Amino acid sequence: MEQRDLLIILYDYYGELLSNDNKKYFEDYYFDNLSLSEIAENNNISRNAVHKHIKSTEEKLMFYEEKLKLYEKDRNVREKVSKISDERLKKAVEKILN
């Protein structure tokens, strides 16, 4: 999996743990595909400051996953559920997970 894709997934898990500024810059960069310069101009800060915020956010997301492993645990559970042969039970568990 590409690093970009992983970071976006981890943002879904841990985004609420981030500061509002970090969330905004991350979303502008990863979801809205704005350049560092565009984000800087829109927020009246330096390009370097934007870069530091985004880098810090990426590191925090990786740190949270390293410690909490929510994404890894979810993948493992879903893999195990996919191997359940009883379709009724499988659908019931999938409903709980979603």
PDB file of N, CA and C in Angstrom:
ATOM      1  N   MET A   1       0.841  -1.178   0.000  1.00  0.00           N
ATOM      2  CA  MET A   1       0.000   0.000   0.000  1.00  0.00           C
ATOM      3  C   MET A   1       0.888   1.244   0.000  1.00  0.00           C
ATOM      4  N   GLU A   2       0.490   2.212  -0.781  1.00  0.00           N
ATOM      5  CA  GLU A   2       1.265   3.454  -0.837  1.00  0.00           C
ATOM      6  C   GLU A   2       1.138   4.228   0.467  1.00  0.00           C
ATOM      7  N   GLN A   3       2.172   4.965   0.794  1.00  0.00           N
ATOM      8  CA  GLN A   3       2.204   5.759   2.025  1.00  0.00           C
ATOM      9  C   GLN A   3       1.034   6.743   2.065  1.00  0.00           C
ATOM     10  N   ARG A   4       0.748   7.363   0.939  1.00  0.00           N
ATOM     11  CA  ARG A   4      -0.348   8.334   0.862  1.00  0.00           C
ATOM     12  C   ARG A   4      -1.679   7.677   1.235  1.00  0.00           C
ATOM     13  N   ASP A   5      -1.937   6.511   0.680  1.00  0.00           N
ATOM     14  CA  ASP A   5      -3.180   5.797   0.972  1.00  0.00           C
ATOM     15  C   ASP A   5      -3.263   5.412   2.441  1.00  0.00           C
ATOM     16  N   LEU A   6      -2.157   4.946   2.983  1.00  0.00           N
ATOM     17  CA  LEU A   6      -2.114   4.572   4.395  1.00  0.00           C
ATOM     18  C   LEU A   6      -2.407   5.778   5.281  1.00  0.00           C
ATOM     19  N   LEU A   7      -1.807   6.914   4.986  1.00  0.00           N
ATOM     20  CA  LEU A   7      -2.025   8.119   5.792  1.00  0.00           C
ATOM     21  C   LEU A   7      -3.487   8.564   5.754  1.00  0.00           C
ATOM     22  N   ILE A   8      -4.108   8.455   4.610  1.00  0.00           N
ATOM     23  CA  ILE A   8      -5.519   8.830   4.483  1.00  0.00           C
ATOM     24  C   ILE A   8      -6.393   7.890   5.310  1.00  0.00           C
ATOM     25  N   ILE A   9      -6.089   6.611   5.281  1.00  0.00           N
ATOM     26  CA  ILE A   9      -6.833   5.650   6.098  1.00  0.00           C
ATOM     27  C   ILE A   9      -6.631   5.944   7.579  1.00  0.00           C
ATOM     28  N   LEU A  10      -5.379   6.181   7.976  1.00  0.00           N
ATOM     29  CA  LEU A  10      -5.102   6.465   9.383  1.00  0.00           C
ATOM     30  C   LEU A  10      -5.785   7.750   9.829  1.00  0.00           C
ATOM     31  N   TYR A  11      -5.917   8.706   8.922  1.00  0.00           N
ATOM     32  CA  TYR A  11      -6.626   9.947   9.245  1.00  0.00           C
ATOM     33  C   TYR A  11      -8.081   9.650   9.618  1.00  0.00           C
ATOM     34  N   ASP A  12      -8.687   8.687   8.925  1.00  0.00           N
ATOM     35  CA  ASP A  12     -10.059   8.296   9.256  1.00  0.00           C
ATOM     36  C   ASP A  12     -10.146   7.761  10.681  1.00  0.00           C
ATOM     37  N   TYR A  13      -9.133   7.054  11.110  1.00  0.00           N
ATOM     38  CA  TYR A  13      -9.122   6.474  12.456  1.00  0.00           C
ATOM     39  C   TYR A  13      -8.767   7.510  13.529  1.00  0.00           C
ATOM     40  N   TYR A  14      -7.785   8.329  13.261  1.00  0.00           N
ATOM     41  CA  TYR A  14      -7.195   9.171  14.307  1.00  0.00           C
ATOM     42  C   TYR A  14      -7.340  10.675  14.089  1.00  0.00           C
ATOM     43  N   GLY A  15      -8.032  11.088  13.061  1.00  0.00           N
ATOM     44  CA  GLY A  15      -8.132  12.507  12.731  1.00  0.00           C
ATOM     45  C   GLY A  15      -8.659  13.368  13.855  1.00  0.00           C
ATOM     46  N   GLU A  16      -9.578  12.844  14.634  1.00  0.00           N
ATOM     47  CA  GLU A  16     -10.165  13.636  15.722  1.00  0.00           C
ATOM     48  C   GLU A  16      -9.170  13.913  16.843  1.00  0.00           C
ATOM     49  N   LEU A  17      -8.038  13.235  16.842  1.00  0.00           N
ATOM     50  CA  LEU A  17      -7.011  13.464  17.856  1.00  0.00           C
ATOM     51  C   LEU A  17      -6.087  14.619  17.479  1.00  0.00           C
ATOM     52  N   LEU A  18      -6.225  15.127  16.281  1.00  0.00           N
ATOM     53  CA  LEU A  18      -5.348  16.188  15.773  1.00  0.00           C
ATOM     54  C   LEU A  18      -5.909  17.570  16.061  1.00  0.00           C
ATOM     55  N   SER A  19      -5.020  18.553  16.063  1.00  0.00           N
ATOM     56  CA  SER A  19      -5.468  19.943  16.232  1.00  0.00           C
ATOM     57  C   SER A  19      -6.239  20.378  14.984  1.00  0.00           C
ATOM     58  N   ASN A  20      -7.029  21.417  15.134  1.00  0.00           N
ATOM     59  CA  ASN A  20      -7.807  21.922  13.997  1.00  0.00           C
ATOM     60  C   ASN A  20      -6.906  22.358  12.850  1.00  0.00           C
ATOM     61  N   ASP A  21      -5.794  23.028  13.165  1.00  0.00           N
ATOM     62  CA  ASP A  21      -4.866  23.454  12.115  1.00  0.00           C
ATOM     63  C   ASP A  21      -4.298  22.248  11.378  1.00  0.00           C
ATOM     64  N   ASN A  22      -3.849  21.254  12.124  1.00  0.00           N
ATOM     65  CA  ASN A  22      -3.281  20.066  11.484  1.00  0.00           C
ATOM     66  C   ASN A  22      -4.310  19.369  10.606  1.00  0.00           C
ATOM     67  N   LYS A  23      -5.553  19.291  11.085  1.00  0.00           N
ATOM     68  CA  LYS A  23      -6.604  18.668  10.273  1.00  0.00           C
ATOM     69  C   LYS A  23      -6.823  19.466   8.992  1.00  0.00           C
ATOM     70  N   LYS A  24      -6.891  20.775   9.113  1.00  0.00           N
ATOM     71  CA  LYS A  24      -7.158  21.615   7.940  1.00  0.00           C
ATOM     72  C   LYS A  24      -6.060  21.482   6.892  1.00  0.00           C
ATOM     73  N   TYR A  25      -4.814  21.588   7.321  1.00  0.00           N
ATOM     74  CA  TYR A  25      -3.712  21.511   6.365  1.00  0.00           C
ATOM     75  C   TYR A  25      -3.609  20.112   5.746  1.00  0.00           C
ATOM     76  N   PHE A  26      -3.825  19.090   6.549  1.00  0.00           N
ATOM     77  CA  PHE A  26      -3.796  17.720   6.040  1.00  0.00           C
ATOM     78  C   PHE A  26      -4.883  17.525   4.993  1.00  0.00           C
ATOM     79  N   GLU A  27      -6.091  17.962   5.304  1.00  0.00           N
ATOM     80  CA  GLU A  27      -7.207  17.813   4.362  1.00  0.00           C
ATOM     81  C   GLU A  27      -6.966  18.613   3.082  1.00  0.00           C
ATOM     82  N   ASP A  28      -6.463  19.832   3.230  1.00  0.00           N
ATOM     83  CA  ASP A  28      -6.160  20.638   2.038  1.00  0.00           C
ATOM     84  C   ASP A  28      -5.144  19.924   1.154  1.00  0.00           C
ATOM     85  N   TYR A  29      -4.138  19.357   1.770  1.00  0.00           N
ATOM     86  CA  TYR A  29      -3.051  18.733   1.018  1.00  0.00           C
ATOM     87  C   TYR A  29      -3.459  17.375   0.435  1.00  0.00           C
ATOM     88  N   TYR A  30      -4.042  16.510   1.256  1.00  0.00           N
ATOM     89  CA  TYR A  30      -4.336  15.144   0.826  1.00  0.00           C
ATOM     90  C   TYR A  30      -5.695  14.975   0.153  1.00  0.00           C
ATOM     91  N   PHE A  31      -6.702  15.716   0.583  1.00  0.00           N
ATOM     92  CA  PHE A  31      -8.029  15.534   0.024  1.00  0.00           C
ATOM     93  C   PHE A  31      -8.343  16.529  -1.084  1.00  0.00           C
ATOM     94  N   ASP A  32      -7.885  17.773  -0.906  1.00  0.00           N
ATOM     95  CA  ASP A  32      -8.171  18.802  -1.899  1.00  0.00           C
ATOM     96  C   ASP A  32      -7.044  18.980  -2.907  1.00  0.00           C
ATOM     97  N   ASN A  33      -5.945  18.245  -2.709  1.00  0.00           N
ATOM     98  CA  ASN A  33      -4.792  18.270  -3.611  1.00  0.00           C
ATOM     99  C   ASN A  33      -4.225  19.670  -3.841  1.00  0.00           C
ATOM    100  N   LEU A  34      -4.229  20.475  -2.779  1.00  0.00           N
ATOM    101  CA  LEU A  34      -3.622  21.796  -2.880  1.00  0.00           C
ATOM    102  C   LEU A  34      -2.119  21.672  -2.645  1.00  0.00           C
ATOM    103  N   SER A  35      -1.361  22.519  -3.286  1.00  0.00           N
ATOM    104  CA  SER A  35       0.089  22.533  -3.077  1.00  0.00           C
ATOM    105  C   SER A  35       0.396  23.223  -1.751  1.00  0.00           C
ATOM    106  N   LEU A  36       1.615  23.044  -1.277  1.00  0.00           N
ATOM    107  CA  LEU A  36       2.032  23.724  -0.052  1.00  0.00           C
ATOM    108  C   LEU A  36       1.905  25.229  -0.207  1.00  0.00           C
ATOM    109  N   SER A  37       2.277  25.733  -1.366  1.00  0.00           N
ATOM    110  CA  SER A  37       2.185  27.178  -1.627  1.00  0.00           C
ATOM    111  C   SER A  37       0.737  27.669  -1.597  1.00  0.00           C
ATOM    112  N   GLU A  38      -0.168  26.905  -2.172  1.00  0.00           N
ATOM    113  CA  GLU A  38      -1.581  27.299  -2.172  1.00  0.00           C
ATOM    114  C   GLU A  38      -2.144  27.315  -0.749  1.00  0.00           C
ATOM    115  N   ILE A  39      -1.796  26.298   0.032  1.00  0.00           N
ATOM    116  CA  ILE A  39      -2.265  26.235   1.418  1.00  0.00           C
ATOM    117  C   ILE A  39      -1.706  27.418   2.202  1.00  0.00           C
ATOM    118  N   ALA A  40      -0.429  27.697   1.996  1.00  0.00           N
ATOM    119  CA  ALA A  40       0.220  28.814   2.697  1.00  0.00           C
ATOM    120  C   ALA A  40      -0.464  30.136   2.351  1.00  0.00           C
ATOM    121  N   GLU A  41      -0.717  30.330   1.089  1.00  0.00           N
ATOM    122  CA  GLU A  41      -1.357  31.572   0.650  1.00  0.00           C
ATOM    123  C   GLU A  41      -2.765  31.698   1.212  1.00  0.00           C
ATOM    124  N   ASN A  42      -3.521  30.604   1.206  1.00  0.00           N
ATOM    125  CA  ASN A  42      -4.901  30.624   1.718  1.00  0.00           C
ATOM    126  C   ASN A  42      -4.966  30.899   3.218  1.00  0.00           C
ATOM    127  N   ASN A  43      -3.892  30.549   3.933  1.00  0.00           N
ATOM    128  CA  ASN A  43      -3.908  30.671   5.394  1.00  0.00           C
ATOM    129  C   ASN A  43      -2.951  31.725   5.926  1.00  0.00           C
ATOM    130  N   ASN A  44      -2.338  32.496   5.019  1.00  0.00           N
ATOM    131  CA  ASN A  44      -1.415  33.568   5.389  1.00  0.00           C
ATOM    132  C   ASN A  44      -0.297  33.102   6.319  1.00  0.00           C
ATOM    133  N   ILE A  45       0.288  31.955   5.980  1.00  0.00           N
ATOM    134  CA  ILE A  45       1.455  31.459   6.704  1.00  0.00           C
ATOM    135  C   ILE A  45       2.510  31.072   5.678  1.00  0.00           C
ATOM    136  N   SER A  46       3.687  30.754   6.135  1.00  0.00           N
ATOM    137  CA  SER A  46       4.752  30.410   5.199  1.00  0.00           C
ATOM    138  C   SER A  46       4.575  28.981   4.676  1.00  0.00           C
ATOM    139  N   ARG A  47       5.134  28.748   3.523  1.00  0.00           N
ATOM    140  CA  ARG A  47       5.122  27.411   2.925  1.00  0.00           C
ATOM    141  C   ARG A  47       5.819  26.427   3.860  1.00  0.00           C
ATOM    142  N   ASN A  48       6.907  26.883   4.485  1.00  0.00           N
ATOM    143  CA  ASN A  48       7.652  26.027   5.411  1.00  0.00           C
ATOM    144  C   ASN A  48       6.795  25.634   6.618  1.00  0.00           C
ATOM    145  N   ALA A  49       5.990  26.565   7.111  1.00  0.00           N
ATOM    146  CA  ALA A  49       5.106  26.264   8.238  1.00  0.00           C
ATOM    147  C   ALA A  49       4.068  25.212   7.857  1.00  0.00           C
ATOM    148  N   VAL A  50       3.542  25.326   6.649  1.00  0.00           N
ATOM    149  CA  VAL A  50       2.582  24.326   6.161  1.00  0.00           C
ATOM    150  C   VAL A  50       3.267  22.961   6.092  1.00  0.00           C
ATOM    151  N   HIS A  51       4.461  22.937   5.535  1.00  0.00           N
ATOM    152  CA  HIS A  51       5.200  21.678   5.423  1.00  0.00           C
ATOM    153  C   HIS A  51       5.415  21.052   6.801  1.00  0.00           C
ATOM    154  N   LYS A  52       5.784  21.860   7.780  1.00  0.00           N
ATOM    155  CA  LYS A  52       6.010  21.352   9.137  1.00  0.00           C
ATOM    156  C   LYS A  52       4.719  20.793   9.745  1.00  0.00           C
ATOM    157  N   HIS A  53       3.608  21.477   9.532  1.00  0.00           N
ATOM    158  CA  HIS A  53       2.326  20.994  10.044  1.00  0.00           C
ATOM    159  C   HIS A  53       1.972  19.640   9.424  1.00  0.00           C
ATOM    160  N   ILE A  54       2.124  19.537   8.119  1.00  0.00           N
ATOM    161  CA  ILE A  54       1.758  18.295   7.430  1.00  0.00           C
ATOM    162  C   ILE A  54       2.684  17.161   7.859  1.00  0.00           C
ATOM    163  N   LYS A  55       3.979  17.437   7.928  1.00  0.00           N
ATOM    164  CA  LYS A  55       4.946  16.423   8.358  1.00  0.00           C
ATOM    165  C   LYS A  55       4.642  15.972   9.785  1.00  0.00           C
ATOM    166  N   SER A  56       4.348  16.908  10.650  1.00  0.00           N
ATOM    167  CA  SER A  56       4.011  16.597  12.039  1.00  0.00           C
ATOM    168  C   SER A  56       2.749  15.732  12.105  1.00  0.00           C
ATOM    169  N   THR A  57       1.768  16.060  11.305  1.00  0.00           N
ATOM    170  CA  THR A  57       0.525  15.289  11.273  1.00  0.00           C
ATOM    171  C   THR A  57       0.779  13.871  10.790  1.00  0.00           C
ATOM    172  N   GLU A  58       1.574  13.727   9.754  1.00  0.00           N
ATOM    173  CA  GLU A  58       1.915  12.390   9.251  1.00  0.00           C
ATOM    174  C   GLU A  58       2.595  11.564  10.340  1.00  0.00           C
ATOM    175  N   GLU A  59       3.528  12.178  11.049  1.00  0.00           N
ATOM    176  CA  GLU A  59       4.235  11.473  12.122  1.00  0.00           C
ATOM    177  C   GLU A  59       3.292  11.088  13.248  1.00  0.00           C
ATOM    178  N   LYS A  60       2.363  11.974  13.588  1.00  0.00           N
ATOM    179  CA  LYS A  60       1.399  11.668  14.646  1.00  0.00           C
ATOM    180  C   LYS A  60       0.500  10.508  14.250  1.00  0.00           C
ATOM    181  N   LEU A  61       0.024  10.516  13.018  1.00  0.00           N
ATOM    182  CA  LEU A  61      -0.837   9.431  12.559  1.00  0.00           C
ATOM    183  C   LEU A  61      -0.115   8.079  12.626  1.00  0.00           C
ATOM    184  N   MET A  62       1.130   8.066  12.191  1.00  0.00           N
ATOM    185  CA  MET A  62       1.915   6.826  12.249  1.00  0.00           C
ATOM    186  C   MET A  62       2.167   6.408  13.703  1.00  0.00           C
ATOM    187  N   PHE A  63       2.421   7.384  14.576  1.00  0.00           N
ATOM    188  CA  PHE A  63       2.654   7.104  15.991  1.00  0.00           C
ATOM    189  C   PHE A  63       1.397   6.510  16.626  1.00  0.00           C
ATOM    190  N   TYR A  64       0.247   7.107  16.354  1.00  0.00           N
ATOM    191  CA  TYR A  64      -0.999   6.600  16.922  1.00  0.00           C
ATOM    192  C   TYR A  64      -1.240   5.153  16.486  1.00  0.00           C
ATOM    193  N   GLU A  65      -1.011   4.870  15.214  1.00  0.00           N
ATOM    194  CA  GLU A  65      -1.219   3.505  14.731  1.00  0.00           C
ATOM    195  C   GLU A  65      -0.214   2.547  15.353  1.00  0.00           C
ATOM    196  N   GLU A  66       1.018   2.998  15.502  1.00  0.00           N
ATOM    197  CA  GLU A  66       2.052   2.159  16.111  1.00  0.00           C
ATOM    198  C   GLU A  66       1.656   1.772  17.542  1.00  0.00           C
ATOM    199  N   LYS A  67       1.066   2.697  18.262  1.00  0.00           N
ATOM    200  CA  LYS A  67       0.706   2.450  19.662  1.00  0.00           C
ATOM    201  C   LYS A  67      -0.655   1.773  19.810  1.00  0.00           C
ATOM    202  N   LEU A  68      -1.662   2.230  19.066  1.00  0.00           N
ATOM    203  CA  LEU A  68      -3.025   1.749  19.250  1.00  0.00           C
ATOM    204  C   LEU A  68      -3.413   0.601  18.313  1.00  0.00           C
ATOM    205  N   LYS A  69      -2.823   0.591  17.130  1.00  0.00           N
ATOM    206  CA  LYS A  69      -3.031  -0.471  16.138  1.00  0.00           C
ATOM    207  C   LYS A  69      -4.507  -0.697  15.761  1.00  0.00           C
ATOM    208  N   LEU A  70      -5.298   0.367  15.721  1.00  0.00           N
ATOM    209  CA  LEU A  70      -6.707   0.225  15.383  1.00  0.00           C
ATOM    210  C   LEU A  70      -6.907  -0.259  13.950  1.00  0.00           C
ATOM    211  N   TYR A  71      -6.140   0.282  13.032  1.00  0.00           N
ATOM    212  CA  TYR A  71      -6.266  -0.127  11.624  1.00  0.00           C
ATOM    213  C   TYR A  71      -5.841  -1.579  11.458  1.00  0.00           C
ATOM    214  N   GLU A  72      -4.731  -1.947  12.066  1.00  0.00           N
ATOM    215  CA  GLU A  72      -4.246  -3.325  11.973  1.00  0.00           C
ATOM    216  C   GLU A  72      -5.263  -4.302  12.565  1.00  0.00           C
ATOM    217  N   LYS A  73      -5.822  -3.967  13.704  1.00  0.00           N
ATOM    218  CA  LYS A  73      -6.811  -4.835  14.352  1.00  0.00           C
ATOM    219  C   LYS A  73      -8.062  -4.964  13.492  1.00  0.00           C
ATOM    220  N   ASP A  74      -8.506  -3.860  12.910  1.00  0.00           N
ATOM    221  CA  ASP A  74      -9.687  -3.887  12.045  1.00  0.00           C
ATOM    222  C   ASP A  74      -9.451  -4.782  10.831  1.00  0.00           C
ATOM    223  N   ARG A  75      -8.289  -4.657  10.218  1.00  0.00           N
ATOM    224  CA  ARG A  75      -7.956  -5.516   9.063  1.00  0.00           C
ATOM    225  C   ARG A  75      -7.965  -6.981   9.467  1.00  0.00           C
ATOM    226  N   ASN A  76      -7.382  -7.303  10.617  1.00  0.00           N
ATOM    227  CA  ASN A  76      -7.335  -8.689  11.081  1.00  0.00           C
ATOM    228  C   ASN A  76      -8.724  -9.246  11.346  1.00  0.00           C
ATOM    229  N   VAL A  77      -9.574  -8.459  11.975  1.00  0.00           N
ATOM    230  CA  VAL A  77     -10.940  -8.908  12.261  1.00  0.00           C
ATOM    231  C   VAL A  77     -11.692  -9.144  10.953  1.00  0.00           C
ATOM    232  N   ARG A  78     -11.583  -8.204  10.021  1.00  0.00           N
ATOM    233  CA  ARG A  78     -12.291  -8.350   8.745  1.00  0.00           C
ATOM    234  C   ARG A  78     -11.785  -9.563   7.944  1.00  0.00           C
ATOM    235  N   GLU A  79     -10.500  -9.834   8.042  1.00  0.00           N
ATOM    236  CA  GLU A  79      -9.946 -11.016   7.373  1.00  0.00           C
ATOM    237  C   GLU A  79     -10.531 -12.293   7.972  1.00  0.00           C
ATOM    238  N   LYS A  80     -10.622 -12.342   9.287  1.00  0.00           N
ATOM    239  CA  LYS A  80     -11.176 -13.514   9.957  1.00  0.00           C
ATOM    240  C   LYS A  80     -12.664 -13.675   9.655  1.00  0.00           C
ATOM    241  N   VAL A  81     -13.386 -12.567   9.610  1.00  0.00           N
ATOM    242  CA  VAL A  81     -14.814 -12.613   9.300  1.00  0.00           C
ATOM    243  C   VAL A  81     -15.031 -13.137   7.887  1.00  0.00           C
ATOM    244  N   SER A  82     -14.164 -12.763   6.975  1.00  0.00           N
ATOM    245  CA  SER A  82     -14.321 -13.219   5.585  1.00  0.00           C
ATOM    246  C   SER A  82     -14.194 -14.738   5.461  1.00  0.00           C
ATOM    247  N   LYS A  83     -13.599 -15.384   6.456  1.00  0.00           N
ATOM    248  CA  LYS A  83     -13.411 -16.839   6.423  1.00  0.00           C
ATOM    249  C   LYS A  83     -14.538 -17.606   7.111  1.00  0.00           C
ATOM    250  N   ILE A  84     -15.511 -16.892   7.663  1.00  0.00           N
ATOM    251  CA  ILE A  84     -16.641 -17.559   8.313  1.00  0.00           C
ATOM    252  C   ILE A  84     -17.495 -18.203   7.233  1.00  0.00           C
ATOM    253  N   SER A  85     -17.796 -19.485   7.412  1.00  0.00           N
ATOM    254  CA  SER A  85     -18.557 -20.213   6.388  1.00  0.00           C
ATOM    255  C   SER A  85     -20.069 -20.064   6.563  1.00  0.00           C
ATOM    256  N   ASP A  86     -20.542 -19.852   7.767  1.00  0.00           N
ATOM    257  CA  ASP A  86     -21.971 -19.667   8.019  1.00  0.00           C
ATOM    258  C   ASP A  86     -22.365 -18.266   7.555  1.00  0.00           C
ATOM    259  N   GLU A  87     -23.097 -18.173   6.457  1.00  0.00           N
ATOM    260  CA  GLU A  87     -23.431 -16.877   5.846  1.00  0.00           C
ATOM    261  C   GLU A  87     -24.268 -16.000   6.767  1.00  0.00           C
ATOM    262  N   ARG A  88     -25.177 -16.598   7.516  1.00  0.00           N
ATOM    263  CA  ARG A  88     -26.014 -15.810   8.428  1.00  0.00           C
ATOM    264  C   ARG A  88     -25.160 -15.154   9.510  1.00  0.00           C
ATOM    265  N   LEU A  89     -24.269 -15.940  10.086  1.00  0.00           N
ATOM    266  CA  LEU A  89     -23.367 -15.428  11.105  1.00  0.00           C
ATOM    267  C   LEU A  89     -22.432 -14.372  10.516  1.00  0.00           C
ATOM    268  N   LYS A  90     -21.925 -14.657   9.330  1.00  0.00           N
ATOM    269  CA  LYS A  90     -21.010 -13.725   8.661  1.00  0.00           C
ATOM    270  C   LYS A  90     -21.670 -12.369   8.436  1.00  0.00           C
ATOM    271  N   LYS A  91     -22.916 -12.374   7.941  1.00  0.00           N
ATOM    272  CA  LYS A  91     -23.633 -11.118   7.695  1.00  0.00           C
ATOM    273  C   LYS A  91     -23.912 -10.374   8.996  1.00  0.00           C
ATOM    274  N   ALA A  92     -24.215 -11.114  10.056  1.00  0.00           N
ATOM    275  CA  ALA A  92     -24.484 -10.482  11.350  1.00  0.00           C
ATOM    276  C   ALA A  92     -23.224  -9.792  11.883  1.00  0.00           C
ATOM    277  N   VAL A  93     -22.077 -10.453  11.771  1.00  0.00           N
ATOM    278  CA  VAL A  93     -20.829  -9.866  12.245  1.00  0.00           C
ATOM    279  C   VAL A  93     -20.440  -8.673  11.378  1.00  0.00           C
ATOM    280  N   GLU A  94     -20.603  -8.791  10.065  1.00  0.00           N
ATOM    281  CA  GLU A  94     -20.284  -7.676   9.168  1.00  0.00           C
ATOM    282  C   GLU A  94     -21.164  -6.464   9.473  1.00  0.00           C
ATOM    283  N   LYS A  95     -22.415  -6.702   9.832  1.00  0.00           N
ATOM    284  CA  LYS A  95     -23.324  -5.607  10.169  1.00  0.00           C
ATOM    285  C   LYS A  95     -22.817  -4.885  11.419  1.00  0.00           C
ATOM    286  N   ILE A  96     -22.321  -5.623  12.373  1.00  0.00           N
ATOM    287  CA  ILE A  96     -21.758  -5.028  13.589  1.00  0.00           C
ATOM    288  C   ILE A  96     -20.526  -4.198  13.264  1.00  0.00           C
ATOM    289  N   LEU A  97     -19.681  -4.693  12.383  1.00  0.00           N
ATOM    290  CA  LEU A  97     -18.443  -4.003  12.035  1.00  0.00           C
ATOM    291  C   LEU A  97     -18.692  -2.711  11.266  1.00  0.00           C
ATOM    292  N   ASN A  98     -19.758  -2.676  10.506  1.00  0.00           N
ATOM    293  CA  ASN A  98     -20.023  -1.478   9.709  1.00  0.00           C
ATOM    294  C   ASN A  98     -20.861  -0.528  10.502  1.00  0.00           C
TER     295      ASN A  98
END
